[in-house]
Amino acid sequence: MAYQMLEMMVGLRLDVVHTLLEHCSSVKVKRLFLHMVEKLGYSWFEYLDLARIDLGQGKRVIEPDGVYDSKYRISLR
């Protein structure tokens, strides 16, 4: 469902997204969001400064039996 919602959000502005990611306190939410928007191929994704976004340490699990994404260190479907 979240993925389908993101598909419809083609008008997201880079500066707003970046600010929200910097201030978000949930590592899982940030990693999941970045995984999904990269998969969707949004043109602004390549301009995100990931060094300024705290993605925490270690692995995170969204789906226990899911597929592991080594870039974002998260297991999901």
C-alpha atoms as a PDB file:
ATOM      1  CA  MET A   1       0.000   0.000   0.000  1.00  0.00           C
ATOM      2  CA  ALA A   2       2.762   2.460   0.871  1.00  0.00           C
ATOM      3  CA  TYR A   3       4.490   1.657  -2.421  1.00  0.00           C
ATOM      4  CA  GLN A   4       1.283   2.387  -4.342  1.00  0.00           C
ATOM      5  CA  MET A   5       0.909   5.716  -2.542  1.00  0.00           C
ATOM      6  CA  LEU A   6       4.460   6.678  -3.469  1.00  0.00           C
ATOM      7  CA  GLU A   7       3.769   5.825  -7.114  1.00  0.00           C
ATOM      8  CA  MET A   8       1.175   8.597  -7.144  1.00  0.00           C
ATOM      9  CA  MET A   9       3.455  11.174  -5.509  1.00  0.00           C
ATOM     10  CA  VAL A  10       5.319  12.221  -8.632  1.00  0.00           C
ATOM     11  CA  GLY A  11       5.337  15.876  -7.593  1.00  0.00           C
ATOM     12  CA  LEU A  12       7.491  15.491  -4.465  1.00  0.00           C
ATOM     13  CA  ARG A  13      10.011  18.313  -4.130  1.00  0.00           C
ATOM     14  CA  LEU A  14      13.615  17.399  -3.406  1.00  0.00           C
ATOM     15  CA  ASP A  15      14.143  20.098  -0.769  1.00  0.00           C
ATOM     16  CA  VAL A  16      11.040  19.094   1.198  1.00  0.00           C
ATOM     17  CA  VAL A  17      11.815  15.367   0.983  1.00  0.00           C
ATOM     18  CA  HIS A  18      15.390  15.986   2.107  1.00  0.00           C
ATOM     19  CA  THR A  19      14.302  18.066   5.094  1.00  0.00           C
ATOM     20  CA  LEU A  20      11.754  15.449   6.146  1.00  0.00           C
ATOM     21  CA  LEU A  21      14.328  12.652   5.882  1.00  0.00           C
ATOM     22  CA  GLU A  22      16.861  14.619   7.930  1.00  0.00           C
ATOM     23  CA  HIS A  23      14.334  15.211  10.721  1.00  0.00           C
ATOM     24  CA  CYS A  24      12.680  11.782  10.711  1.00  0.00           C
ATOM     25  CA  SER A  25      13.645   9.783  13.811  1.00  0.00           C
ATOM     26  CA  SER A  26      12.741   6.313  12.453  1.00  0.00           C
ATOM     27  CA  VAL A  27      15.641   4.537  10.738  1.00  0.00           C
ATOM     28  CA  LYS A  28      13.279   1.902   9.326  1.00  0.00           C
ATOM     29  CA  VAL A  29      11.016   4.509   7.760  1.00  0.00           C
ATOM     30  CA  LYS A  30      13.941   6.346   6.142  1.00  0.00           C
ATOM     31  CA  ARG A  31      15.506   3.163   4.770  1.00  0.00           C
ATOM     32  CA  LEU A  32      12.180   1.860   3.473  1.00  0.00           C
ATOM     33  CA  PHE A  33      11.350   5.197   1.839  1.00  0.00           C
ATOM     34  CA  LEU A  34      14.756   5.427   0.145  1.00  0.00           C
ATOM     35  CA  HIS A  35      14.501   1.837  -1.068  1.00  0.00           C
ATOM     36  CA  MET A  36      11.074   2.449  -2.594  1.00  0.00           C
ATOM     37  CA  VAL A  37      11.784   5.788  -4.285  1.00  0.00           C
ATOM     38  CA  GLU A  38      15.003   4.431  -5.769  1.00  0.00           C
ATOM     39  CA  LYS A  39      13.053   1.442  -7.106  1.00  0.00           C
ATOM     40  CA  LEU A  40      10.430   3.803  -8.549  1.00  0.00           C
ATOM     41  CA  GLY A  41      13.176   5.695 -10.364  1.00  0.00           C
ATOM     42  CA  TYR A  42      12.256   9.226  -9.344  1.00  0.00           C
ATOM     43  CA  SER A  43      14.522  11.693 -11.119  1.00  0.00           C
ATOM     44  CA  TRP A  44      15.302  13.672  -7.963  1.00  0.00           C
ATOM     45  CA  PHE A  45      16.588  10.599  -6.084  1.00  0.00           C
ATOM     46  CA  GLU A  46      20.129  10.949  -7.444  1.00  0.00           C
ATOM     47  CA  TYR A  47      20.334  14.469  -5.963  1.00  0.00           C
ATOM     48  CA  LEU A  48      19.629  13.392  -2.373  1.00  0.00           C
ATOM     49  CA  ASP A  49      22.654  13.856  -0.130  1.00  0.00           C
ATOM     50  CA  LEU A  50      22.514  10.527   1.712  1.00  0.00           C
ATOM     51  CA  ALA A  51      25.531  11.510   3.817  1.00  0.00           C
ATOM     52  CA  ARG A  52      23.322  14.077   5.584  1.00  0.00           C
ATOM     53  CA  ILE A  53      20.609  11.506   6.365  1.00  0.00           C
ATOM     54  CA  ASP A  54      21.200   9.333   9.440  1.00  0.00           C
ATOM     55  CA  LEU A  55      20.409   5.752   8.425  1.00  0.00           C
ATOM     56  CA  GLY A  56      21.633   4.289  11.702  1.00  0.00           C
ATOM     57  CA  GLN A  57      23.847   1.257  12.185  1.00  0.00           C
ATOM     58  CA  GLY A  58      23.151  -2.433  11.733  1.00  0.00           C
ATOM     59  CA  LYS A  59      20.420  -4.292   9.920  1.00  0.00           C
ATOM     60  CA  ARG A  60      16.676  -3.682  10.140  1.00  0.00           C
ATOM     61  CA  VAL A  61      13.836  -6.107   9.463  1.00  0.00           C
ATOM     62  CA  ILE A  62      10.449  -5.148   8.016  1.00  0.00           C
ATOM     63  CA  GLU A  63       9.544  -8.667   6.863  1.00  0.00           C
ATOM     64  CA  PRO A  64      11.226 -11.519   8.819  1.00  0.00           C
ATOM     65  CA  ASP A  65      11.327 -13.863   5.822  1.00  0.00           C
ATOM     66  CA  GLY A  66      11.914 -11.056   3.351  1.00  0.00           C
ATOM     67  CA  VAL A  67      14.684 -10.360   0.871  1.00  0.00           C
ATOM     68  CA  TYR A  68      17.707  -8.500   2.207  1.00  0.00           C
ATOM     69  CA  ASP A  69      18.649  -5.222   0.499  1.00  0.00           C
ATOM     70  CA  SER A  70      22.350  -4.746   1.255  1.00  0.00           C
ATOM     71  CA  LYS A  71      22.410  -1.093   0.159  1.00  0.00           C
ATOM     72  CA  TYR A  72      19.913  -0.028   2.823  1.00  0.00           C
ATOM     73  CA  ARG A  73      20.586  -2.971   5.171  1.00  0.00           C
ATOM     74  CA  ILE A  74      16.911  -3.858   5.403  1.00  0.00           C
ATOM     75  CA  SER A  75      14.898  -7.081   4.937  1.00  0.00           C
ATOM     76  CA  LEU A  76      11.575  -6.683   3.165  1.00  0.00           C
ATOM     77  CA  ARG A  77       9.309  -8.257   0.596  1.00  0.00           C
END
